[in-house]
Amino acid sequence: MNTQTNVVQESALESQPVAPAVMSATRPFFWSVRRELWENRSIYVAPTVVAGVILLGYLIALIHVPRHILEMAAHHKDMPHLTFQDPYNIASGFIMGTALIVAVFYCLDALYGERRDRSILFWKSLPVSDLTAVLSKACIPLLVLPLVTMAITVATHWFMFLLNSAALIARGQSVAALWSRLPLFQMDLQLLYHLFTMHVLWWAPIYAWLLLVSAWARRATFLWAFVPPLAISILEKIVFGTSQFSSLLNYRFSGDAAVNSATAGEFPFDPNMTHLTPGKFLSIPGLWVGLLVAAAFLAATVQLRRYRDPM
């Protein structure tokens, strides 16, 4: 009797449909980005190391700076603000430059590396589409690195401010004047504006081109990324006597006037923030043309990853 009951119960359980596990649409993308962070620790290690070196150098400079110079820098009203704020400007420049170098080498190796070590065969066996994989890689230079750069730069600025305050206190000086000489909140806001406009939106086609080369090239990705544009510029100059292509590249690398206004001399230390003109920036035709080109490059990258064989 018990045996028959068990058989009936098992048959009833087997006849019930098993609901498939539902996976969130964003979950594969989230874990793909996490994978990139796990495999490429230089994304946050390199800027952090540079920030540490900057702080060490700034500490040594504060120890050896004469007392009268430190006092004049903090309290002298006729001393230019930019001169006093130069160390903070230099720190921002070095950290952002490091992030740019990391972004270039990351993009060149992002898709090339998985074809070289044939790990692409494993990743393609997972339920992650080529579109998700490419977008997660593009997210690193376009979103993750700017945010990491922003966080590390802000932390560096505040540590420099604390070191500066400690140096003044050790010499019996007041730190109240530092707040008027160092508008840190305005500096950080302008830094965020610069990162979003220049490093994210304006340079998006450059990063997309590097990812496309990474998905296509079988070797020497650095040469394939930079030699063809250089060759086109030289060929145009020889054949037509013009420099339209090189001017276009310079325009994309250096930025439009609306972008350069955030970096020309006063960035990121204009206390009035008069150069922050997002409306003017968003009205630049070159911005939208560049974003369309970046989208086309990323679409081609998805197709290459789908059909390109491992090496």
Protein backbone atom coordinates (compact mmCIF):
# COMPACT_ATOMS: atom_id res chain seq x y z
CA MET A 1 0.00 0.00 0.00
CA ASN A 2 2.77 2.43 0.91
CA THR A 3 4.66 1.47 -2.23
CA GLN A 4 1.69 2.30 -4.42
CA THR A 5 1.21 5.63 -2.65
CA ASN A 6 4.87 6.56 -3.17
CA VAL A 7 4.68 5.64 -6.85
CA VAL A 8 1.58 7.82 -7.30
CA GLN A 9 3.23 10.76 -5.53
CA GLU A 10 6.41 10.47 -7.61
CA SER A 11 4.37 10.28 -10.81
CA ALA A 12 2.46 13.39 -9.81
CA LEU A 13 5.68 15.27 -9.08
CA GLU A 14 7.22 14.23 -12.38
CA SER A 15 4.13 15.35 -14.29
CA GLN A 16 4.30 18.87 -12.84
CA PRO A 17 6.14 21.34 -15.11
CA VAL A 18 9.39 22.72 -13.72
CA ALA A 19 9.58 26.51 -13.94
CA PRO A 20 12.82 27.66 -15.54
CA ALA A 21 15.08 29.90 -13.51
CA VAL A 22 14.49 33.53 -14.43
CA MET A 23 17.66 35.60 -14.80
CA SER A 24 17.56 39.36 -14.60
CA ALA A 25 18.43 41.11 -17.87
CA THR A 26 21.09 43.19 -16.14
CA ARG A 27 22.66 40.36 -14.15
CA PRO A 28 24.95 39.05 -16.96
CA PHE A 29 26.10 42.61 -17.63
CA PHE A 30 26.80 43.22 -13.95
CA TRP A 31 28.88 40.07 -13.59
CA SER A 32 30.68 40.79 -16.86
CA VAL A 33 31.80 44.14 -15.47
CA ARG A 34 32.83 42.45 -12.22
CA ARG A 35 34.87 40.00 -14.27
CA GLU A 36 36.71 42.86 -15.98
CA LEU A 37 37.55 44.38 -12.60
CA TRP A 38 38.80 41.04 -11.28
CA GLU A 39 41.00 40.39 -14.31
CA ASN A 40 42.32 43.95 -14.72
CA ARG A 41 43.33 45.26 -11.32
CA SER A 42 45.42 48.01 -12.91
CA ILE A 43 42.11 49.85 -13.43
CA TYR A 44 42.21 50.97 -9.80
CA VAL A 45 45.72 49.96 -8.68
CA ALA A 46 47.65 52.22 -11.09
CA PRO A 47 45.84 55.49 -10.23
CA THR A 48 46.04 54.61 -6.53
CA VAL A 49 49.80 54.05 -6.71
CA VAL A 50 50.28 57.36 -8.55
CA ALA A 51 48.17 59.13 -5.91
CA GLY A 52 50.30 57.58 -3.17
CA VAL A 53 53.50 58.79 -4.84
CA ILE A 54 52.00 62.28 -5.18
CA LEU A 55 51.06 62.39 -1.51
CA LEU A 56 54.52 61.22 -0.49
CA GLY A 57 56.16 63.89 -2.64
CA TYR A 58 53.82 66.55 -1.31
CA LEU A 59 54.58 65.54 2.27
CA ILE A 60 58.32 65.79 1.64
CA ALA A 61 57.84 69.19 0.00
CA LEU A 62 55.84 70.48 2.98
CA ILE A 63 58.52 69.30 5.40
CA HIS A 64 61.25 71.16 3.56
CA VAL A 65 59.31 74.27 2.53
CA PRO A 66 60.44 77.38 4.44
CA ARG A 67 58.04 78.70 7.05
CA HIS A 68 57.68 82.18 5.53
CA ILE A 69 56.73 80.73 2.12
CA LEU A 70 54.04 78.51 3.66
CA GLU A 71 52.66 81.43 5.64
CA MET A 72 52.62 83.68 2.58
CA ALA A 73 50.87 81.02 0.52
CA ALA A 74 48.11 80.64 3.08
CA HIS A 75 47.56 84.29 4.04
CA HIS A 76 49.03 86.64 1.43
CA LYS A 77 46.08 88.15 -0.44
CA ASP A 78 48.13 89.29 -3.41
CA MET A 79 49.47 85.81 -4.15
CA PRO A 80 47.67 84.31 -7.17
CA HIS A 81 45.26 81.53 -6.32
CA LEU A 82 46.48 79.39 -9.17
CA THR A 83 50.07 79.53 -7.94
CA PHE A 84 49.03 78.25 -4.55
CA GLN A 85 46.75 75.61 -6.08
CA ASP A 86 49.27 74.31 -8.60
CA PRO A 87 50.10 71.14 -6.57
CA TYR A 88 46.42 70.16 -6.64
CA ASN A 89 46.29 70.86 -10.37
CA ILE A 90 49.38 68.73 -10.94
CA ALA A 91 47.93 65.90 -8.84
CA SER A 92 44.73 65.90 -10.90
CA GLY A 93 46.70 65.92 -14.14
CA PHE A 94 48.91 62.98 -13.18
CA ILE A 95 46.03 60.83 -11.96
CA MET A 96 43.91 61.55 -15.03
CA GLY A 97 46.89 60.92 -17.30
CA THR A 98 47.49 57.58 -15.61
CA ALA A 99 43.82 56.65 -16.06
CA LEU A 100 44.05 57.56 -19.75
CA ILE A 101 47.08 55.31 -20.26
CA VAL A 102 45.34 52.47 -18.42
CA ALA A 103 42.23 52.95 -20.59
CA VAL A 104 44.23 52.80 -23.84
CA PHE A 105 46.08 49.61 -22.95
CA TYR A 106 42.95 48.03 -21.49
CA CYS A 107 40.95 48.63 -24.68
CA LEU A 108 43.73 47.25 -26.88
CA ASP A 109 43.91 44.04 -24.85
CA ALA A 110 40.26 43.61 -23.85
CA LEU A 111 39.19 41.46 -26.81
CA TYR A 112 42.59 40.57 -28.22
CA GLY A 113 43.71 38.93 -24.97
CA GLU A 114 40.80 36.49 -24.76
CA ARG A 115 41.40 35.39 -28.35
CA ARG A 116 45.12 35.03 -27.74
CA ASP A 117 44.80 32.75 -24.72
CA ARG A 118 41.68 31.08 -26.22
CA SER A 119 39.64 31.82 -23.11
CA ILE A 120 36.98 33.20 -25.45
CA LEU A 121 35.86 29.60 -26.02
CA PHE A 122 34.98 29.33 -22.34
CA TRP A 123 33.29 32.73 -22.11
CA LYS A 124 31.20 32.03 -25.20
CA SER A 125 29.92 28.84 -23.58
CA LEU A 126 28.26 30.96 -20.89
CA PRO A 127 24.78 32.50 -21.35
CA VAL A 128 26.25 35.93 -22.06
CA SER A 129 25.70 37.52 -25.46
CA ASP A 130 28.45 39.15 -27.51
CA LEU A 131 26.65 42.47 -27.14
CA THR A 132 26.72 42.20 -23.34
CA ALA A 133 30.40 41.20 -23.38
CA VAL A 134 31.42 44.13 -25.60
CA LEU A 135 29.33 46.68 -23.71
CA SER A 136 30.76 45.52 -20.39
CA LYS A 137 34.26 46.07 -21.76
CA ALA A 138 33.33 49.48 -23.18
CA CYS A 139 31.88 50.37 -19.77
CA ILE A 140 35.36 50.24 -18.20
CA PRO A 141 36.95 53.25 -19.99
CA LEU A 142 33.65 55.10 -20.38
CA LEU A 143 32.25 54.74 -16.87
CA VAL A 144 34.33 52.78 -14.37
CA LEU A 145 37.69 54.47 -14.93
CA PRO A 146 36.28 58.03 -14.79
CA LEU A 147 34.49 57.19 -11.53
CA VAL A 148 37.64 55.59 -10.09
CA THR A 149 39.68 58.60 -11.21
CA MET A 150 37.20 60.97 -9.65
CA ALA A 151 37.17 59.13 -6.31
CA ILE A 152 40.97 58.83 -6.10
CA THR A 153 41.54 62.46 -7.13
CA VAL A 154 39.05 63.79 -4.59
CA ALA A 155 40.63 61.67 -1.85
CA THR A 156 44.09 62.89 -2.89
CA HIS A 157 43.00 66.53 -2.78
CA TRP A 158 41.60 66.16 0.73
CA PHE A 159 44.67 64.30 1.97
CA MET A 160 46.82 67.10 0.53
CA PHE A 161 44.63 69.63 2.29
CA LEU A 162 45.03 67.76 5.60
CA LEU A 163 48.80 67.62 5.14
CA ASN A 164 48.83 71.33 4.34
CA SER A 165 46.78 72.06 7.44
CA ALA A 166 49.06 69.92 9.61
CA ALA A 167 52.11 71.77 8.26
CA LEU A 168 50.53 75.13 9.15
CA ILE A 169 49.53 73.95 12.64
CA ALA A 170 53.03 72.58 13.26
CA ARG A 171 54.40 76.04 12.48
CA GLY A 172 51.86 77.79 14.70
CA GLN A 173 49.75 79.13 11.82
CA SER A 174 45.95 79.22 11.40
CA VAL A 175 44.30 76.98 8.82
CA ALA A 176 41.17 79.14 8.44
CA ALA A 177 42.61 80.98 5.43
CA LEU A 178 43.09 77.69 3.56
CA TRP A 179 39.36 77.39 2.91
CA SER A 180 39.27 80.66 0.99
CA ARG A 181 42.41 79.76 -0.93
CA LEU A 182 41.33 76.18 -1.71
CA PRO A 183 37.70 75.86 -2.86
CA LEU A 184 37.82 72.06 -2.84
CA PHE A 185 34.12 71.55 -3.50
CA GLN A 186 34.22 73.72 -6.63
CA MET A 187 37.43 72.02 -7.73
CA ASP A 188 35.88 68.57 -7.44
CA LEU A 189 32.69 69.62 -9.23
CA GLN A 190 34.69 71.00 -12.15
CA LEU A 191 36.80 67.85 -12.20
CA LEU A 192 33.62 65.77 -12.52
CA TYR A 193 32.45 68.00 -15.37
CA HIS A 194 35.76 67.61 -17.18
CA LEU A 195 35.79 63.83 -16.79
CA PHE A 196 32.22 63.47 -18.04
CA THR A 197 32.58 65.79 -21.03
CA MET A 198 36.11 64.98 -22.19
CA HIS A 199 36.97 61.47 -20.99
CA VAL A 200 33.50 59.95 -21.43
CA LEU A 201 31.58 61.69 -24.20
CA TRP A 202 34.25 63.35 -26.31
CA TRP A 203 36.72 60.45 -26.37
CA ALA A 204 34.07 57.72 -26.75
CA PRO A 205 34.90 57.11 -30.46
CA ILE A 206 38.60 56.77 -29.60
CA TYR A 207 37.92 54.03 -27.04
CA ALA A 208 35.45 52.35 -29.43
CA TRP A 209 38.10 52.35 -32.17
CA LEU A 210 40.63 50.74 -29.85
CA LEU A 211 38.12 48.03 -28.92
CA LEU A 212 37.44 47.42 -32.62
CA VAL A 213 41.16 46.98 -33.28
CA SER A 214 41.40 44.66 -30.28
CA ALA A 215 38.63 42.47 -31.73
CA TRP A 216 40.14 42.41 -35.24
CA ALA A 217 43.95 42.36 -34.99
CA ARG A 218 45.85 39.09 -34.71
CA ARG A 219 48.99 40.72 -33.36
CA ALA A 220 50.55 44.14 -32.63
CA THR A 221 47.31 45.84 -31.63
CA PHE A 222 49.13 49.04 -30.68
CA LEU A 223 50.55 49.42 -34.18
CA TRP A 224 47.23 48.62 -35.87
CA ALA A 225 45.53 51.23 -33.70
CA PHE A 226 47.87 54.14 -34.36
CA VAL A 227 49.81 53.47 -37.58
CA PRO A 228 46.83 53.45 -40.04
CA PRO A 229 45.57 56.93 -38.98
CA LEU A 230 49.13 58.22 -39.17
CA ALA A 231 49.61 56.65 -42.60
CA ILE A 232 46.37 58.19 -43.89
CA SER A 233 47.48 61.63 -42.69
CA ILE A 234 50.86 61.30 -44.40
CA LEU A 235 49.31 59.95 -47.61
CA GLU A 236 46.79 62.80 -47.75
CA LYS A 237 49.56 65.33 -47.30
CA ILE A 238 51.68 63.81 -50.07
CA VAL A 239 48.88 63.24 -52.61
CA PHE A 240 46.56 66.19 -52.03
CA GLY A 241 48.73 68.59 -50.06
CA THR A 242 46.03 68.95 -47.40
CA SER A 243 45.78 68.04 -43.72
CA GLN A 244 42.05 67.50 -43.24
CA PHE A 245 42.36 64.06 -41.68
CA SER A 246 45.10 65.10 -39.25
CA SER A 247 43.05 68.17 -38.31
CA LEU A 248 40.09 65.91 -37.64
CA LEU A 249 42.21 63.69 -35.39
CA ASN A 250 43.61 66.72 -33.57
CA TYR A 251 40.07 68.05 -33.12
CA ARG A 252 38.99 64.76 -31.58
CA PHE A 253 42.03 64.38 -29.31
CA SER A 254 42.27 67.98 -28.14
CA GLY A 255 38.56 68.78 -27.99
CA ASP A 256 36.25 71.55 -29.14
CA ALA A 257 36.51 75.07 -27.74
CA ALA A 258 33.58 74.32 -25.42
CA VAL A 259 35.54 71.39 -24.03
CA ASN A 260 38.87 73.21 -23.87
CA SER A 261 37.33 76.02 -21.86
CA ALA A 262 37.27 73.58 -18.95
CA THR A 263 40.98 72.93 -19.23
CA ALA A 264 42.49 76.17 -20.46
CA GLY A 265 44.57 77.56 -17.63
CA GLU A 266 41.85 77.81 -14.98
CA PHE A 267 40.74 74.17 -14.73
CA PRO A 268 39.83 73.02 -12.22
CA PHE A 269 40.27 76.10 -10.07
CA ASP A 270 37.91 78.78 -11.34
CA PRO A 271 35.89 79.56 -8.19
CA ASN A 272 33.07 81.12 -10.24
CA MET A 273 32.82 78.07 -12.54
CA THR A 274 31.91 80.32 -15.47
CA HIS A 275 33.27 77.85 -18.03
CA LEU A 276 30.86 75.08 -17.05
CA THR A 277 28.51 75.36 -20.02
CA PRO A 278 26.83 71.95 -20.51
CA GLY A 279 24.21 73.42 -22.86
CA LYS A 280 26.89 74.77 -25.18
CA PHE A 281 28.80 71.51 -24.99
CA LEU A 282 25.75 69.39 -25.86
CA SER A 283 25.05 71.60 -28.88
CA ILE A 284 28.38 70.79 -30.55
CA PRO A 285 27.74 68.80 -33.77
CA GLY A 286 31.08 67.05 -33.42
CA LEU A 287 29.95 65.53 -30.13
CA TRP A 288 26.97 63.74 -31.66
CA VAL A 289 28.88 62.74 -34.78
CA GLY A 290 31.52 61.21 -32.53
CA LEU A 291 28.93 59.31 -30.51
CA LEU A 292 27.40 57.90 -33.72
CA VAL A 293 30.85 56.82 -34.88
CA ALA A 294 31.46 55.20 -31.50
CA ALA A 295 28.17 53.30 -31.77
CA ALA A 296 29.13 52.08 -35.26
CA PHE A 297 32.56 50.94 -34.03
CA LEU A 298 30.97 49.07 -31.11
CA ALA A 299 28.44 47.39 -33.42
CA ALA A 300 31.30 46.23 -35.66
CA THR A 301 33.17 45.02 -32.58
CA VAL A 302 30.18 42.88 -31.56
CA GLN A 303 30.10 41.26 -35.00
CA LEU A 304 33.85 40.61 -34.94
CA ARG A 305 33.65 38.98 -31.53
CA ARG A 306 30.81 36.80 -32.74
CA TYR A 307 32.61 35.44 -35.80
CA ARG A 308 36.34 35.99 -35.15
CA ASP A 309 38.19 32.73 -34.42
CA PRO A 310 40.63 32.32 -31.52
CA MET A 311 44.32 32.51 -32.38
